[in-house]
Amino acid sequence: MTAEPHVPTDPLTLFQGGAAAHPARQAWLLEQLEQWFAGDLADGRERRRVVAQALRSATEDAHRWLDDRLDGCDLVRVDLLIDGDGTHRHSVFRSLPTPLGLLLICLDQCRVGHEVRVVQELAKAGRVEARATWPFGMDEAETLTRPARVPAELRTV
């Protein structure tokens, strides 16, 4: 398997909706939000209420979104590519097949000499690819479907 590592970067810190970053300290932002969410309202109190509700909702959304952050080593996508005899097949999956599952797929889809590639896309660590030429046995199928191991220096959230 070969890896295409991405340069590790620091993750976003936990969203803090207060302190110096609080939107109430950003007059330009409040003006834009009033225009966007309540521009058609004449009453200033009602405009502020609408903007405050939008900010509360956005804070919850921001926390929820950050909570869904993937670890740098999380599997995001798996590509199965089969090439040979002038044909090219490519399918995308959310998870790795089992070794025996891959063998059954290859029994149905491959001809002698076809190249089978399984490419794992990891959240921040990049792509890891394994390949074998059909026909192959359980050892090769296990190698193709083995979860990618990411170097320690790339293991970050």
C-alpha atoms as a PDB file:
ATOM      1  CA  MET A   1       0.000   0.000   0.000  1.00  0.00           C
ATOM      2  CA  THR A   2       1.213   3.475  -0.783  1.00  0.00           C
ATOM      3  CA  ALA A   3       0.134   6.635   0.969  1.00  0.00           C
ATOM      4  CA  GLU A   4      -0.281  10.167  -0.347  1.00  0.00           C
ATOM      5  CA  PRO A   5      -0.009  12.013   2.960  1.00  0.00           C
ATOM      6  CA  HIS A   6      -1.389  15.497   3.418  1.00  0.00           C
ATOM      7  CA  VAL A   7       0.514  17.997   5.499  1.00  0.00           C
ATOM      8  CA  PRO A   8      -1.008  17.890   8.985  1.00  0.00           C
ATOM      9  CA  THR A   9      -2.644  21.086  10.122  1.00  0.00           C
ATOM     10  CA  ASP A  10      -3.984  22.131  13.482  1.00  0.00           C
ATOM     11  CA  PRO A  11      -7.689  21.407  13.932  1.00  0.00           C
ATOM     12  CA  LEU A  12     -10.199  24.122  14.648  1.00  0.00           C
ATOM     13  CA  THR A  13     -10.420  24.868  18.319  1.00  0.00           C
ATOM     14  CA  LEU A  14     -13.689  24.434  20.157  1.00  0.00           C
ATOM     15  CA  PHE A  15     -16.080  27.158  19.047  1.00  0.00           C
ATOM     16  CA  GLN A  16     -16.441  29.783  21.741  1.00  0.00           C
ATOM     17  CA  GLY A  17     -19.511  31.901  21.116  1.00  0.00           C
ATOM     18  CA  GLY A  18     -18.525  34.565  23.622  1.00  0.00           C
ATOM     19  CA  ALA A  19     -15.486  36.636  24.605  1.00  0.00           C
ATOM     20  CA  ALA A  20     -13.943  38.964  22.029  1.00  0.00           C
ATOM     21  CA  ALA A  21     -15.358  36.939  19.131  1.00  0.00           C
ATOM     22  CA  HIS A  22     -18.959  37.469  20.209  1.00  0.00           C
ATOM     23  CA  PRO A  23     -20.978  38.887  17.290  1.00  0.00           C
ATOM     24  CA  ALA A  24     -22.335  41.680  19.520  1.00  0.00           C
ATOM     25  CA  ARG A  25     -18.824  43.185  19.415  1.00  0.00           C
ATOM     26  CA  GLN A  26     -18.916  43.200  15.616  1.00  0.00           C
ATOM     27  CA  ALA A  27     -21.221  46.063  14.589  1.00  0.00           C
ATOM     28  CA  TRP A  28     -20.637  45.434  10.880  1.00  0.00           C
ATOM     29  CA  LEU A  29     -21.815  41.828  11.275  1.00  0.00           C
ATOM     30  CA  LEU A  30     -24.911  42.809  13.239  1.00  0.00           C
ATOM     31  CA  GLU A  31     -25.818  45.322  10.538  1.00  0.00           C
ATOM     32  CA  GLN A  32     -25.458  42.674   7.852  1.00  0.00           C
ATOM     33  CA  LEU A  33     -27.510  40.170   9.838  1.00  0.00           C
ATOM     34  CA  GLU A  34     -30.280  42.712  10.380  1.00  0.00           C
ATOM     35  CA  GLN A  35     -30.398  43.403   6.651  1.00  0.00           C
ATOM     36  CA  TRP A  36     -30.300  39.717   5.775  1.00  0.00           C
ATOM     37  CA  PHE A  37     -32.772  38.336   8.313  1.00  0.00           C
ATOM     38  CA  ALA A  38     -34.977  41.309   9.197  1.00  0.00           C
ATOM     39  CA  GLY A  39     -34.478  43.943   6.525  1.00  0.00           C
ATOM     40  CA  ASP A  40     -38.208  44.181   5.848  1.00  0.00           C
ATOM     41  CA  LEU A  41     -39.113  44.859   9.509  1.00  0.00           C
ATOM     42  CA  ALA A  42     -39.561  48.457  10.616  1.00  0.00           C
ATOM     43  CA  ASP A  43     -39.495  47.846  14.383  1.00  0.00           C
ATOM     44  CA  GLY A  44     -35.938  47.957  15.774  1.00  0.00           C
ATOM     45  CA  ARG A  45     -36.783  45.664  18.724  1.00  0.00           C
ATOM     46  CA  GLU A  46     -38.269  43.053  16.438  1.00  0.00           C
ATOM     47  CA  ARG A  47     -35.211  43.265  14.148  1.00  0.00           C
ATOM     48  CA  ARG A  48     -32.885  42.676  17.123  1.00  0.00           C
ATOM     49  CA  ARG A  49     -35.051  39.773  18.325  1.00  0.00           C
ATOM     50  CA  VAL A  50     -34.884  38.099  14.900  1.00  0.00           C
ATOM     51  CA  VAL A  51     -31.105  38.560  14.740  1.00  0.00           C
ATOM     52  CA  ALA A  52     -30.653  37.226  18.289  1.00  0.00           C
ATOM     53  CA  GLN A  53     -32.675  34.119  17.419  1.00  0.00           C
ATOM     54  CA  ALA A  54     -30.613  33.608  14.254  1.00  0.00           C
ATOM     55  CA  LEU A  55     -27.390  33.873  16.280  1.00  0.00           C
ATOM     56  CA  ARG A  56     -28.631  31.351  18.875  1.00  0.00           C
ATOM     57  CA  SER A  57     -29.566  28.924  16.141  1.00  0.00           C
ATOM     58  CA  ALA A  58     -26.250  29.468  14.326  1.00  0.00           C
ATOM     59  CA  THR A  59     -24.291  28.841  17.544  1.00  0.00           C
ATOM     60  CA  GLU A  60     -26.056  25.506  17.973  1.00  0.00           C
ATOM     61  CA  ASP A  61     -25.382  24.666  14.318  1.00  0.00           C
ATOM     62  CA  ALA A  62     -21.697  25.567  14.686  1.00  0.00           C
ATOM     63  CA  HIS A  63     -21.320  23.333  17.753  1.00  0.00           C
ATOM     64  CA  ARG A  64     -23.156  20.465  16.064  1.00  0.00           C
ATOM     65  CA  TRP A  65     -21.031  20.822  12.914  1.00  0.00           C
ATOM     66  CA  LEU A  66     -17.766  20.894  14.858  1.00  0.00           C
ATOM     67  CA  ASP A  67     -18.880  17.843  16.839  1.00  0.00           C
ATOM     68  CA  ASP A  68     -19.153  15.974  13.512  1.00  0.00           C
ATOM     69  CA  ARG A  69     -15.516  16.693  12.707  1.00  0.00           C
ATOM     70  CA  LEU A  70     -13.656  13.630  11.457  1.00  0.00           C
ATOM     71  CA  ASP A  71     -10.444  12.364  12.930  1.00  0.00           C
ATOM     72  CA  GLY A  72      -7.598  12.679  10.431  1.00  0.00           C
ATOM     73  CA  CYS A  73      -7.460   8.892  10.110  1.00  0.00           C
ATOM     74  CA  ASP A  74     -11.196   8.333   9.576  1.00  0.00           C
ATOM     75  CA  LEU A  75     -12.159   6.534   6.378  1.00  0.00           C
ATOM     76  CA  VAL A  76     -14.122   8.864   4.130  1.00  0.00           C
ATOM     77  CA  ARG A  77     -14.368   6.906   0.888  1.00  0.00           C
ATOM     78  CA  VAL A  78     -13.300   3.636  -0.725  1.00  0.00           C
ATOM     79  CA  ASP A  79     -12.840   3.298  -4.483  1.00  0.00           C
ATOM     80  CA  LEU A  80     -12.808  -0.078  -6.222  1.00  0.00           C
ATOM     81  CA  LEU A  81     -11.221   0.053  -9.663  1.00  0.00           C
ATOM     82  CA  ILE A  82     -10.974  -2.866 -12.072  1.00  0.00           C
ATOM     83  CA  ASP A  83      -8.948  -2.429 -15.258  1.00  0.00           C
ATOM     84  CA  GLY A  84      -8.019  -4.747 -18.090  1.00  0.00           C
ATOM     85  CA  ASP A  85      -8.877  -5.862 -21.629  1.00  0.00           C
ATOM     86  CA  GLY A  86      -9.733  -2.285 -22.547  1.00  0.00           C
ATOM     87  CA  THR A  87     -12.362  -2.030 -19.808  1.00  0.00           C
ATOM     88  CA  HIS A  88     -12.409   0.236 -16.801  1.00  0.00           C
ATOM     89  CA  ARG A  89     -14.814  -0.139 -13.888  1.00  0.00           C
ATOM     90  CA  HIS A  90     -14.911   2.256 -10.961  1.00  0.00           C
ATOM     91  CA  SER A  91     -17.290   2.221  -7.992  1.00  0.00           C
ATOM     92  CA  VAL A  92     -17.247   4.273  -4.781  1.00  0.00           C
ATOM     93  CA  PHE A  93     -18.235   2.976  -1.342  1.00  0.00           C
ATOM     94  CA  ARG A  94     -18.467   4.204   2.253  1.00  0.00           C
ATOM     95  CA  SER A  95     -16.616   1.240   3.756  1.00  0.00           C
ATOM     96  CA  LEU A  96     -14.143  -1.509   2.973  1.00  0.00           C
ATOM     97  CA  PRO A  97     -15.393  -4.913   1.850  1.00  0.00           C
ATOM     98  CA  THR A  98     -14.374  -8.046   3.692  1.00  0.00           C
ATOM     99  CA  PRO A  99     -11.622 -10.067   2.009  1.00  0.00           C
ATOM    100  CA  LEU A 100     -14.056 -12.835   1.058  1.00  0.00           C
ATOM    101  CA  GLY A 101     -16.600 -10.258  -0.110  1.00  0.00           C
ATOM    102  CA  LEU A 102     -13.964  -8.759  -2.416  1.00  0.00           C
ATOM    103  CA  LEU A 103     -13.129 -12.206  -3.779  1.00  0.00           C
ATOM    104  CA  LEU A 104     -16.798 -12.826  -4.602  1.00  0.00           C
ATOM    105  CA  ILE A 105     -17.068  -9.464  -6.359  1.00  0.00           C
ATOM    106  CA  CYS A 106     -13.903 -10.186  -8.345  1.00  0.00           C
ATOM    107  CA  LEU A 107     -15.147 -13.680  -9.293  1.00  0.00           C
ATOM    108  CA  ASP A 108     -18.129 -11.992 -10.906  1.00  0.00           C
ATOM    109  CA  GLN A 109     -16.481  -8.868 -12.334  1.00  0.00           C
ATOM    110  CA  CYS A 110     -12.896  -9.797 -13.238  1.00  0.00           C
ATOM    111  CA  ARG A 111     -11.159 -11.742 -15.976  1.00  0.00           C
ATOM    112  CA  VAL A 112      -7.650 -13.192 -15.790  1.00  0.00           C
ATOM    113  CA  GLY A 113      -5.093 -10.380 -15.833  1.00  0.00           C
ATOM    114  CA  HIS A 114      -7.414  -7.602 -14.675  1.00  0.00           C
ATOM    115  CA  GLU A 115      -5.854  -5.189 -12.215  1.00  0.00           C
ATOM    116  CA  VAL A 116      -7.889  -4.653  -9.045  1.00  0.00           C
ATOM    117  CA  ARG A 117      -7.222  -1.528  -6.995  1.00  0.00           C
ATOM    118  CA  VAL A 118      -8.738  -0.569  -3.671  1.00  0.00           C
ATOM    119  CA  VAL A 119      -8.141   3.080  -2.791  1.00  0.00           C
ATOM    120  CA  GLN A 120      -8.937   4.334   0.703  1.00  0.00           C
ATOM    121  CA  GLU A 121      -9.421   8.071   1.178  1.00  0.00           C
ATOM    122  CA  LEU A 122      -8.745   9.152   4.742  1.00  0.00           C
ATOM    123  CA  ALA A 123     -10.082  12.406   6.177  1.00  0.00           C
ATOM    124  CA  LYS A 124      -6.773  14.258   6.413  1.00  0.00           C
ATOM    125  CA  ALA A 125      -4.095  11.636   5.895  1.00  0.00           C
ATOM    126  CA  GLY A 126      -4.745  11.231   2.171  1.00  0.00           C
ATOM    127  CA  ARG A 127      -5.078   8.268  -0.117  1.00  0.00           C
ATOM    128  CA  VAL A 128      -3.828   4.732   0.442  1.00  0.00           C
ATOM    129  CA  GLU A 129      -3.881   2.369  -2.505  1.00  0.00           C
ATOM    130  CA  ALA A 130      -3.445  -1.393  -2.760  1.00  0.00           C
ATOM    131  CA  ARG A 131      -3.489  -3.390  -5.985  1.00  0.00           C
ATOM    132  CA  ALA A 132      -3.371  -6.970  -7.193  1.00  0.00           C
ATOM    133  CA  THR A 133      -3.763  -8.842 -10.479  1.00  0.00           C
ATOM    134  CA  TRP A 134      -6.686 -11.223 -10.807  1.00  0.00           C
ATOM    135  CA  PRO A 135      -6.877 -14.106  -9.972  1.00  0.00           C
ATOM    136  CA  PHE A 136      -5.621 -13.829  -6.419  1.00  0.00           C
ATOM    137  CA  GLY A 137      -6.366 -15.604  -3.164  1.00  0.00           C
ATOM    138  CA  MET A 138      -7.252 -14.739   0.398  1.00  0.00           C
ATOM    139  CA  ASP A 139      -3.783 -13.360   1.249  1.00  0.00           C
ATOM    140  CA  GLU A 140      -4.008 -10.723  -1.469  1.00  0.00           C
ATOM    141  CA  ALA A 141      -7.688 -10.044  -0.724  1.00  0.00           C
ATOM    142  CA  GLU A 142      -6.819  -9.457   2.932  1.00  0.00           C
ATOM    143  CA  THR A 143      -4.030  -7.065   1.920  1.00  0.00           C
ATOM    144  CA  LEU A 144      -6.364  -5.151  -0.419  1.00  0.00           C
ATOM    145  CA  THR A 145      -9.033  -4.762   2.253  1.00  0.00           C
ATOM    146  CA  ARG A 146      -6.787  -4.068   5.239  1.00  0.00           C
ATOM    147  CA  PRO A 147      -7.666  -0.726   6.887  1.00  0.00           C
ATOM    148  CA  ALA A 148      -5.012   1.860   6.112  1.00  0.00           C
ATOM    149  CA  ARG A 149      -2.362   2.476   8.719  1.00  0.00           C
ATOM    150  CA  VAL A 150      -1.423   6.113   8.972  1.00  0.00           C
ATOM    151  CA  PRO A 151       1.989   7.297  10.166  1.00  0.00           C
ATOM    152  CA  ALA A 152       1.892   8.604  13.747  1.00  0.00           C
ATOM    153  CA  GLU A 153       2.901  12.127  12.726  1.00  0.00           C
ATOM    154  CA  LEU A 154      -0.274  12.398  10.629  1.00  0.00           C
ATOM    155  CA  ARG A 155      -2.644  11.191  13.345  1.00  0.00           C
ATOM    156  CA  THR A 156      -4.419  14.383  14.360  1.00  0.00           C
ATOM    157  CA  VAL A 157      -7.997  15.470  14.778  1.00  0.00           C
END
